[in-house]
C-alpha atoms as a PDB file:
ATOM      1  CA  MET A   1      62.471  54.850 116.228  1.00  0.00           C
ATOM      2  CA  LYS A   2      59.078  55.996 117.357  1.00  0.00           C
ATOM      3  CA  CYS A   3      57.686  55.106 120.790  1.00  0.00           C
ATOM      4  CA  ALA A   4      53.936  54.923 120.511  1.00  0.00           C
ATOM      5  CA  ASP A   5      51.491  55.552 123.325  1.00  0.00           C
ATOM      6  CA  LYS A   6      53.904  56.278 126.160  1.00  0.00           C
ATOM      7  CA  LEU A   7      51.389  58.552 127.801  1.00  0.00           C
ATOM      8  CA  VAL A   8      52.712  59.244 131.290  1.00  0.00           C
ATOM      9  CA  GLY A   9      50.123  61.005 133.428  1.00  0.00           C
ATOM     10  CA  ARG A  10      49.829  62.012 137.057  1.00  0.00           C
ATOM     11  CA  TRP A  11      47.471  59.129 137.780  1.00  0.00           C
ATOM     12  CA  ALA A  12      48.107  56.457 135.176  1.00  0.00           C
ATOM     13  CA  VAL A  13      50.737  55.026 132.878  1.00  0.00           C
ATOM     14  CA  MET A  14      49.406  53.696 129.606  1.00  0.00           C
ATOM     15  CA  ALA A  15      50.915  50.961 127.478  1.00  0.00           C
ATOM     16  CA  VAL A  16      54.427  51.465 126.197  1.00  0.00           C
ATOM     17  CA  LEU A  17      54.795  50.114 122.688  1.00  0.00           C
ATOM     18  CA  CYS A  18      57.926  50.863 120.727  1.00  0.00           C
ATOM     19  CA  VAL A  19      57.736  50.393 116.984  1.00  0.00           C
ATOM     20  CA  ILE A  20      60.991  50.271 115.040  1.00  0.00           C
ATOM     21  CA  PRO A  21      60.343  50.510 111.287  1.00  0.00           C
ATOM     22  CA  ALA A  22      62.396  48.118 109.179  1.00  0.00           C
ATOM     23  CA  SER A  23      63.366  50.965 106.892  1.00  0.00           C
ATOM     24  CA  LEU A  24      62.951  54.555 108.004  1.00  0.00           C
ATOM     25  CA  ALA A  25      63.597  55.739 104.457  1.00  0.00           C
ATOM     26  CA  ALA A  26      60.552  53.771 103.293  1.00  0.00           C
ATOM     27  CA  GLN A  27      58.327  55.634 105.777  1.00  0.00           C
ATOM     28  CA  TRP A  28      58.980  59.098 104.287  1.00  0.00           C
ATOM     29  CA  LEU A  29      59.658  60.460 107.761  1.00  0.00           C
ATOM     30  CA  ASN A  30      62.025  63.093 106.425  1.00  0.00           C
ATOM     31  CA  TYR A  31      60.457  63.832 103.049  1.00  0.00           C
ATOM     32  CA  PRO A  32      59.837  67.556 102.447  1.00  0.00           C
ATOM     33  CA  THR A  33      56.198  68.633 102.504  1.00  0.00           C
ATOM     34  CA  ALA A  34      55.314  70.391  99.259  1.00  0.00           C
ATOM     35  CA  GLY A  35      54.287  74.029  99.226  1.00  0.00           C
ATOM     36  CA  VAL A  36      55.392  74.953 102.749  1.00  0.00           C
ATOM     37  CA  PRO A  37      56.002  78.723 103.044  1.00  0.00           C
ATOM     38  CA  LYS A  38      59.467  79.600 104.342  1.00  0.00           C
ATOM     39  CA  THR A  39      60.964  82.365 106.438  1.00  0.00           C
ATOM     40  CA  SER A  40      63.996  84.310 105.256  1.00  0.00           C
ATOM     41  CA  SER A  41      66.166  81.728 107.036  1.00  0.00           C
ATOM     42  CA  GLY A  42      64.553  78.860 105.128  1.00  0.00           C
ATOM     43  CA  ALA A  43      62.575  77.477 108.082  1.00  0.00           C
ATOM     44  CA  PRO A  44      58.861  76.626 107.726  1.00  0.00           C
ATOM     45  CA  ASN A  45      56.833  79.780 108.291  1.00  0.00           C
ATOM     46  CA  MET A  46      53.994  78.672 110.542  1.00  0.00           C
ATOM     47  CA  ASN A  47      52.729  82.261 110.794  1.00  0.00           C
ATOM     48  CA  ALA A  48      52.158  82.531 107.049  1.00  0.00           C
ATOM     49  CA  PRO A  49      48.588  83.235 105.845  1.00  0.00           C
ATOM     50  CA  THR A  50      45.940  80.540 106.016  1.00  0.00           C
ATOM     51  CA  PRO A  51      45.881  78.493 102.780  1.00  0.00           C
ATOM     52  CA  LYS A  52      42.725  78.393 100.664  1.00  0.00           C
ATOM     53  CA  THR A  53      41.167  75.823  98.377  1.00  0.00           C
ATOM     54  CA  ALA A  54      40.440  76.505  94.710  1.00  0.00           C
ATOM     55  CA  ASP A  55      36.939  77.721  95.602  1.00  0.00           C
ATOM     56  CA  GLY A  56      38.252  80.145  98.252  1.00  0.00           C
ATOM     57  CA  LYS A  57      37.428  78.099 101.346  1.00  0.00           C
ATOM     58  CA  THR A  58      39.817  77.557 104.238  1.00  0.00           C
ATOM     59  CA  ASP A  59      42.030  74.558 103.513  1.00  0.00           C
ATOM     60  CA  PHE A  60      42.491  72.366 106.595  1.00  0.00           C
ATOM     61  CA  SER A  61      44.654  69.796 104.805  1.00  0.00           C
ATOM     62  CA  GLY A  62      47.823  68.643 106.530  1.00  0.00           C
ATOM     63  CA  ILE A  63      49.196  66.550 109.378  1.00  0.00           C
ATOM     64  CA  TRP A  64      48.309  67.866 112.825  1.00  0.00           C
ATOM     65  CA  GLU A  65      49.188  67.166 116.448  1.00  0.00           C
ATOM     66  CA  ALA A  66      47.637  68.343 119.698  1.00  0.00           C
ATOM     67  CA  GLU A  67      49.242  71.324 121.405  1.00  0.00           C
ATOM     68  CA  LYS A  68      51.476  70.234 124.290  1.00  0.00           C
ATOM     69  CA  ASN A  69      50.195  72.656 126.924  1.00  0.00           C
ATOM     70  CA  ARG A  70      51.709  71.021 129.995  1.00  0.00           C
ATOM     71  CA  PRO A  71      55.233  70.814 131.456  1.00  0.00           C
ATOM     72  CA  CYS A  72      57.344  67.737 130.961  1.00  0.00           C
ATOM     73  CA  ASP A  73      57.298  64.966 133.540  1.00  0.00           C
ATOM     74  CA  PRO A  74      60.287  64.808 135.927  1.00  0.00           C
ATOM     75  CA  GLU A  75      62.088  62.291 133.716  1.00  0.00           C
ATOM     76  CA  GLY A  76      61.815  64.615 130.734  1.00  0.00           C
ATOM     77  CA  CYS A  77      59.571  64.998 127.694  1.00  0.00           C
ATOM     78  CA  GLN A  78      58.621  61.661 126.215  1.00  0.00           C
ATOM     79  CA  ASP A  79      58.203  61.074 122.489  1.00  0.00           C
ATOM     80  CA  LEU A  80      54.434  61.445 122.781  1.00  0.00           C
ATOM     81  CA  GLN A  81      53.969  63.892 125.644  1.00  0.00           C
ATOM     82  CA  PRO A  82      50.218  64.575 125.987  1.00  0.00           C
ATOM     83  CA  GLY A  83      48.763  67.971 126.756  1.00  0.00           C
ATOM     84  CA  GLU A  84      46.669  68.898 129.780  1.00  0.00           C
ATOM     85  CA  GLN A  85      43.371  68.470 127.922  1.00  0.00           C
ATOM     86  CA  PHE A  86      44.110  64.816 127.227  1.00  0.00           C
ATOM     87  CA  PHE A  87      43.847  64.253 130.979  1.00  0.00           C
ATOM     88  CA  ASN A  88      41.250  66.921 131.734  1.00  0.00           C
ATOM     89  CA  ILE A  89      39.179  68.256 128.831  1.00  0.00           C
ATOM     90  CA  ALA A  90      38.104  71.156 131.097  1.00  0.00           C
ATOM     91  CA  TRP A  91      41.665  72.322 131.745  1.00  0.00           C
ATOM     92  CA  GLY A  92      41.589  76.131 131.686  1.00  0.00           C
ATOM     93  CA  LEU A  93      37.864  76.364 132.506  1.00  0.00           C
ATOM     94  CA  LYS A  94      37.483  78.314 135.745  1.00  0.00           C
ATOM     95  CA  ASP A  95      34.665  76.214 137.195  1.00  0.00           C
ATOM     96  CA  GLY A  96      35.358  72.908 135.462  1.00  0.00           C
ATOM     97  CA  LEU A  97      32.626  70.911 133.763  1.00  0.00           C
ATOM     98  CA  PRO A  98      28.981  71.215 134.891  1.00  0.00           C
ATOM     99  CA  TYR A  99      28.517  67.543 135.743  1.00  0.00           C
ATOM    100  CA  GLN A 100      25.182  66.060 136.668  1.00  0.00           C
ATOM    101  CA  PRO A 101      25.581  64.544 140.186  1.00  0.00           C
ATOM    102  CA  TRP A 102      25.860  60.983 138.880  1.00  0.00           C
ATOM    103  CA  ALA A 103      28.521  62.041 136.357  1.00  0.00           C
ATOM    104  CA  ALA A 104      30.575  63.827 139.033  1.00  0.00           C
ATOM    105  CA  ASP A 105      30.475  60.675 141.182  1.00  0.00           C
ATOM    106  CA  LEU A 106      31.492  58.555 138.177  1.00  0.00           C
ATOM    107  CA  VAL A 107      34.515  60.752 137.394  1.00  0.00           C
ATOM    108  CA  LYS A 108      35.593  60.622 141.036  1.00  0.00           C
ATOM    109  CA  ALA A 109      35.377  56.823 141.003  1.00  0.00           C
ATOM    110  CA  ARG A 110      37.253  56.532 137.708  1.00  0.00           C
ATOM    111  CA  ARG A 111      40.082  58.719 138.976  1.00  0.00           C
ATOM    112  CA  ALA A 112      40.296  56.672 142.182  1.00  0.00           C
ATOM    113  CA  GLN A 113      40.771  53.598 139.976  1.00  0.00           C
ATOM    114  CA  PHE A 114      43.532  55.287 137.948  1.00  0.00           C
ATOM    115  CA  ALA A 115      41.338  55.181 134.819  1.00  0.00           C
ATOM    116  CA  LYS A 116      41.868  51.433 134.455  1.00  0.00           C
ATOM    117  CA  ASP A 117      38.576  51.071 132.560  1.00  0.00           C
ATOM    118  CA  ASP A 118      39.330  53.761 129.997  1.00  0.00           C
ATOM    119  CA  PRO A 119      38.486  52.224 126.590  1.00  0.00           C
ATOM    120  CA  ASP A 120      41.763  53.700 125.330  1.00  0.00           C
ATOM    121  CA  SER A 121      43.684  51.498 127.795  1.00  0.00           C
ATOM    122  CA  LYS A 122      41.925  48.465 126.346  1.00  0.00           C
ATOM    123  CA  CYS A 123      42.831  49.452 122.780  1.00  0.00           C
ATOM    124  CA  LEU A 124      39.233  50.348 121.927  1.00  0.00           C
ATOM    125  CA  PRO A 125      38.422  53.390 119.765  1.00  0.00           C
ATOM    126  CA  GLN A 126      38.525  56.956 121.051  1.00  0.00           C
ATOM    127  CA  GLY A 127      35.694  59.451 120.732  1.00  0.00           C
ATOM    128  CA  ILE A 128      36.054  62.547 118.570  1.00  0.00           C
ATOM    129  CA  LEU A 129      37.097  64.874 121.415  1.00  0.00           C
ATOM    130  CA  LYS A 130      39.770  62.540 122.722  1.00  0.00           C
ATOM    131  CA  MET A 131      41.035  62.160 119.165  1.00  0.00           C
ATOM    132  CA  HIS A 132      41.678  65.926 119.165  1.00  0.00           C
ATOM    133  CA  THR A 133      43.781  65.734 122.351  1.00  0.00           C
ATOM    134  CA  ALA A 134      45.637  62.429 121.869  1.00  0.00           C
ATOM    135  CA  PRO A 135      49.364  62.937 121.170  1.00  0.00           C
ATOM    136  CA  LEU A 136      49.477  60.755 118.060  1.00  0.00           C
ATOM    137  CA  LEU A 137      49.302  62.437 114.664  1.00  0.00           C
ATOM    138  CA  ARG A 138      46.236  62.884 112.468  1.00  0.00           C
ATOM    139  CA  LYS A 139      45.973  63.829 108.797  1.00  0.00           C
ATOM    140  CA  ILE A 140      43.167  65.925 107.330  1.00  0.00           C
ATOM    141  CA  ILE A 141      42.239  65.331 103.699  1.00  0.00           C
ATOM    142  CA  GLN A 142      39.807  67.905 102.326  1.00  0.00           C
ATOM    143  CA  LEU A 143      37.642  67.349  99.264  1.00  0.00           C
ATOM    144  CA  PRO A 144      34.804  69.541  97.919  1.00  0.00           C
ATOM    145  CA  GLY A 145      32.072  67.507  99.637  1.00  0.00           C
ATOM    146  CA  LEU A 146      33.982  65.643 102.323  1.00  0.00           C
ATOM    147  CA  LEU A 147      36.615  66.163 104.992  1.00  0.00           C
ATOM    148  CA  VAL A 148      38.376  63.005 106.209  1.00  0.00           C
ATOM    149  CA  ILE A 149      40.541  62.739 109.322  1.00  0.00           C
ATOM    150  CA  LEU A 150      42.989  59.818 109.279  1.00  0.00           C
ATOM    151  CA  ASN A 151      44.269  58.857 112.718  1.00  0.00           C
ATOM    152  CA  GLU A 152      47.664  57.312 113.287  1.00  0.00           C
ATOM    153  CA  ARG A 153      46.286  55.352 116.245  1.00  0.00           C
ATOM    154  CA  ASN A 154      44.946  52.031 114.962  1.00  0.00           C
ATOM    155  CA  ALA A 155      44.740  53.481 111.425  1.00  0.00           C
ATOM    156  CA  THR A 156      41.187  54.755 112.014  1.00  0.00           C
ATOM    157  CA  TYR A 157      39.248  57.490 110.263  1.00  0.00           C
ATOM    158  CA  ARG A 158      36.462  60.040 110.702  1.00  0.00           C
ATOM    159  CA  GLN A 159      34.240  61.423 107.942  1.00  0.00           C
ATOM    160  CA  ILE A 160      32.736  64.923 108.015  1.00  0.00           C
ATOM    161  CA  PHE A 161      30.256  65.426 105.173  1.00  0.00           C
ATOM    162  CA  LEU A 162      30.159  68.833 103.463  1.00  0.00           C
ATOM    163  CA  ASP A 163      27.474  67.951 100.904  1.00  0.00           C
ATOM    164  CA  GLY A 164      24.520  69.452 102.756  1.00  0.00           C
ATOM    165  CA  ARG A 165      23.058  66.235 104.135  1.00  0.00           C
ATOM    166  CA  PRO A 166      21.175  66.502 107.467  1.00  0.00           C
ATOM    167  CA  LEU A 167      22.071  64.575 110.584  1.00  0.00           C
ATOM    168  CA  GLU A 168      20.252  61.270 110.970  1.00  0.00           C
ATOM    169  CA  PRO A 169      17.274  61.634 113.358  1.00  0.00           C
ATOM    170  CA  ASP A 170      17.719  58.134 114.824  1.00  0.00           C
ATOM    171  CA  PRO A 171      21.306  56.978 114.125  1.00  0.00           C
ATOM    172  CA  ALA A 172      22.805  53.697 115.264  1.00  0.00           C
ATOM    173  CA  PRO A 173      25.214  54.530 118.147  1.00  0.00           C
ATOM    174  CA  SER A 174      28.882  54.607 117.196  1.00  0.00           C
ATOM    175  CA  TRP A 175      32.284  55.507 118.634  1.00  0.00           C
ATOM    176  CA  ARG A 176      32.789  58.436 116.244  1.00  0.00           C
ATOM    177  CA  GLY A 177      29.183  59.558 115.805  1.00  0.00           C
ATOM    178  CA  TYR A 178      27.988  61.065 112.521  1.00  0.00           C
ATOM    179  CA  SER A 179      29.133  64.486 111.340  1.00  0.00           C
ATOM    180  CA  THR A 180      27.901  67.056 108.841  1.00  0.00           C
ATOM    181  CA  ALA A 181      29.234  70.578 108.315  1.00  0.00           C
ATOM    182  CA  LYS A 182      28.549  73.967 106.784  1.00  0.00           C
ATOM    183  CA  TRP A 183      30.634  77.086 106.303  1.00  0.00           C
ATOM    184  CA  ASP A 184      30.339  80.248 108.386  1.00  0.00           C
ATOM    185  CA  LYS A 185      32.684  82.501 106.395  1.00  0.00           C
ATOM    186  CA  ASP A 186      36.160  81.014 107.042  1.00  0.00           C
ATOM    187  CA  VAL A 187      34.982  78.738 109.869  1.00  0.00           C
ATOM    188  CA  LEU A 188      33.783  75.178 109.278  1.00  0.00           C
ATOM    189  CA  VAL A 189      30.905  74.414 111.669  1.00  0.00           C
ATOM    190  CA  VAL A 190      30.578  70.674 112.286  1.00  0.00           C
ATOM    191  CA  GLU A 191      27.586  69.104 114.023  1.00  0.00           C
ATOM    192  CA  SER A 192      27.682  65.509 115.250  1.00  0.00           C
ATOM    193  CA  ASN A 193      25.308  63.077 116.939  1.00  0.00           C
ATOM    194  CA  GLY A 194      24.771  59.322 117.226  1.00  0.00           C
ATOM    195  CA  PHE A 195      27.363  58.562 119.897  1.00  0.00           C
ATOM    196  CA  ARG A 196      27.617  55.510 122.127  1.00  0.00           C
ATOM    197  CA  ASP A 197      26.458  55.799 125.712  1.00  0.00           C
ATOM    198  CA  ASP A 198      29.832  55.060 127.308  1.00  0.00           C
ATOM    199  CA  LEU A 199      32.418  57.398 125.770  1.00  0.00           C
ATOM    200  CA  TRP A 200      35.252  58.952 127.803  1.00  0.00           C
ATOM    201  CA  LEU A 201      36.110  62.541 126.891  1.00  0.00           C
ATOM    202  CA  ASP A 202      39.423  62.551 128.759  1.00  0.00           C
ATOM    203  CA  ARG A 203      41.684  60.469 130.973  1.00  0.00           C
ATOM    204  CA  PHE A 204      39.783  61.676 134.054  1.00  0.00           C
ATOM    205  CA  GLY A 205      36.775  59.808 132.705  1.00  0.00           C
ATOM    206  CA  SER A 206      34.424  62.691 131.925  1.00  0.00           C
ATOM    207  CA  PRO A 207      31.465  60.888 130.316  1.00  0.00           C
ATOM    208  CA  MET A 208      29.494  61.532 127.165  1.00  0.00           C
ATOM    209  CA  THR A 209      26.202  59.755 126.491  1.00  0.00           C
ATOM    210  CA  GLU A 210      23.989  58.902 123.535  1.00  0.00           C
ATOM    211  CA  ALA A 211      22.013  62.101 124.258  1.00  0.00           C
ATOM    212  CA  ALA A 212      24.966  64.288 123.275  1.00  0.00           C
ATOM    213  CA  LYS A 213      25.164  66.665 120.375  1.00  0.00           C
ATOM    214  CA  VAL A 214      28.612  68.076 119.626  1.00  0.00           C
ATOM    215  CA  THR A 215      29.335  71.255 117.664  1.00  0.00           C
ATOM    216  CA  GLU A 216      32.882  71.955 116.502  1.00  0.00           C
ATOM    217  CA  ARG A 217      34.021  75.207 114.922  1.00  0.00           C
ATOM    218  CA  PHE A 218      37.212  74.550 112.912  1.00  0.00           C
ATOM    219  CA  ARG A 219      39.279  77.704 112.332  1.00  0.00           C
ATOM    220  CA  ARG A 220      42.738  77.683 110.770  1.00  0.00           C
ATOM    221  CA  VAL A 221      44.274  80.812 112.275  1.00  0.00           C
ATOM    222  CA  ASN A 222      47.361  80.782 110.063  1.00  0.00           C
ATOM    223  CA  TYR A 223      49.421  78.253 108.175  1.00  0.00           C
ATOM    224  CA  GLY A 224      50.524  76.317 111.258  1.00  0.00           C
ATOM    225  CA  ARG A 225      47.707  76.652 113.805  1.00  0.00           C
ATOM    226  CA  LEU A 226      44.242  75.087 113.861  1.00  0.00           C
ATOM    227  CA  GLU A 227      41.754  75.965 116.613  1.00  0.00           C
ATOM    228  CA  VAL A 228      38.716  73.774 117.254  1.00  0.00           C
ATOM    229  CA  GLU A 229      36.076  75.337 119.513  1.00  0.00           C
ATOM    230  CA  VAL A 230      33.989  72.446 120.825  1.00  0.00           C
ATOM    231  CA  THR A 231      30.559  72.717 122.449  1.00  0.00           C
ATOM    232  CA  VAL A 232      29.076  69.626 124.092  1.00  0.00           C
ATOM    233  CA  ASP A 233      25.337  69.621 124.737  1.00  0.00           C
ATOM    234  CA  ASP A 234      24.619  66.446 126.704  1.00  0.00           C
ATOM    235  CA  PRO A 235      21.723  66.999 129.127  1.00  0.00           C
ATOM    236  CA  LYS A 236      21.986  63.439 130.418  1.00  0.00           C
ATOM    237  CA  ALA A 237      25.541  63.974 131.768  1.00  0.00           C
ATOM    238  CA  TYR A 238      25.789  67.780 132.244  1.00  0.00           C
ATOM    239  CA  THR A 239      23.561  70.490 133.692  1.00  0.00           C
ATOM    240  CA  LYS A 240      24.186  72.818 130.736  1.00  0.00           C
ATOM    241  CA  PRO A 241      26.159  72.937 127.470  1.00  0.00           C
ATOM    242  CA  TRP A 242      29.846  73.741 127.815  1.00  0.00           C
ATOM    243  CA  THR A 243      32.597  74.882 125.443  1.00  0.00           C
ATOM    244  CA  VAL A 244      36.366  74.355 125.263  1.00  0.00           C
ATOM    245  CA  LYS A 245      38.994  75.310 122.691  1.00  0.00           C
ATOM    246  CA  LEU A 246      41.398  72.628 121.452  1.00  0.00           C
ATOM    247  CA  VAL A 247      44.511  73.634 119.518  1.00  0.00           C
ATOM    248  CA  GLN A 248      46.236  71.625 116.792  1.00  0.00           C
ATOM    249  CA  LEU A 249      49.683  72.450 115.399  1.00  0.00           C
ATOM    250  CA  LEU A 250      50.828  71.572 111.882  1.00  0.00           C
ATOM    251  CA  VAL A 251      53.597  69.009 111.452  1.00  0.00           C
ATOM    252  CA  VAL A 252      55.618  69.105 108.233  1.00  0.00           C
ATOM    253  CA  ASN A 253      58.237  66.931 106.525  1.00  0.00           C
ATOM    254  CA  THR A 254      56.876  63.672 107.933  1.00  0.00           C
ATOM    255  CA  GLU A 255      54.130  61.091 107.436  1.00  0.00           C
ATOM    256  CA  LEU A 256      51.834  58.877 109.487  1.00  0.00           C
ATOM    257  CA  LEU A 257      53.212  55.612 110.871  1.00  0.00           C
ATOM    258  CA  ASP A 258      51.385  52.381 111.555  1.00  0.00           C
ATOM    259  CA  PHE A 259      50.456  52.112 115.213  1.00  0.00           C
ATOM    260  CA  PHE A 260      48.202  49.309 116.405  1.00  0.00           C
ATOM    261  CA  CYS A 261      47.565  49.322 120.126  1.00  0.00           C
ATOM    262  CA  LEU A 262      46.975  45.577 120.343  1.00  0.00           C
ATOM    263  CA  GLU A 263      50.284  44.647 118.717  1.00  0.00           C
ATOM    264  CA  ASN A 264      52.369  43.014 121.462  1.00  0.00           C
ATOM    265  CA  GLU A 265      50.102  44.647 124.078  1.00  0.00           C
ATOM    266  CA  LYS A 266      50.848  43.254 127.556  1.00  0.00           C
ATOM    267  CA  ASP A 267      49.779  46.009 129.942  1.00  0.00           C
ATOM    268  CA  GLU A 268      45.982  45.708 130.149  1.00  0.00           C
ATOM    269  CA  PRO A 269      45.978  42.677 132.551  1.00  0.00           C
ATOM    270  CA  HIS A 270      48.045  44.749 135.011  1.00  0.00           C
ATOM    271  CA  LEU A 271      45.601  47.712 135.108  1.00  0.00           C
ATOM    272  CA  ILE A 272      43.988  46.683 138.384  1.00  0.00           C
ATOM    273  CA  GLY A 273      43.264  50.042 140.019  1.00  0.00           C
ATOM    274  CA  LYS A 274      42.748  49.949 143.785  1.00  0.00           C
END
């Protein structure tokens, strides 16, 4: 049994949808992942060296989940306990985010309303930063000219092109934006633009606008740890560019499950705020 989207925060409780697969064996939830390095005790060695592709590049392939960098709620750790950066993307930054005045007022208002208008609560897509922090799993598939991220939530995807194409100068706005990448030694540097004007970066409601350009530096530290250093340059919403580091941890011996937010969803009408 897998409870999907029980994201219990300090200010909001999201939809609780429990999905019970008809046959767990058919979902490959306990099927061994091939090629996993082992310790002397036979356990997966997450500190083993970073894997490489045939052409010597860092291999980001695998199933990943966001680091759970917050204590459990009083009732215990839920199946999908989110980390601090899901709620506050600036968690760990001494001075927080450099909001423009209107953006600071908007975040304050959204928090006062318990984030009832978060697109995530209405089963709409998440932006690329919130995808990094959401507690559902994601799978990276790496090809010579393309890196694809498959998201368990609503079976969505993101494409990062490695074929040298430039960013579009005037892209149609989208939830995911448009992403191209190049290598800086063992680091994959991803640049993205073309976002919608109403994206939420976290549960607090930190905004991102169509003026934003996002740079991500993907670095696989070892076999089991992926660090994504993210810089957001959005002069419409922030007084200066800002950078955070988001950590992903490898998950082995499992697979993605179907999770569709709208299936039997009954919570959204009750998200009334104050």
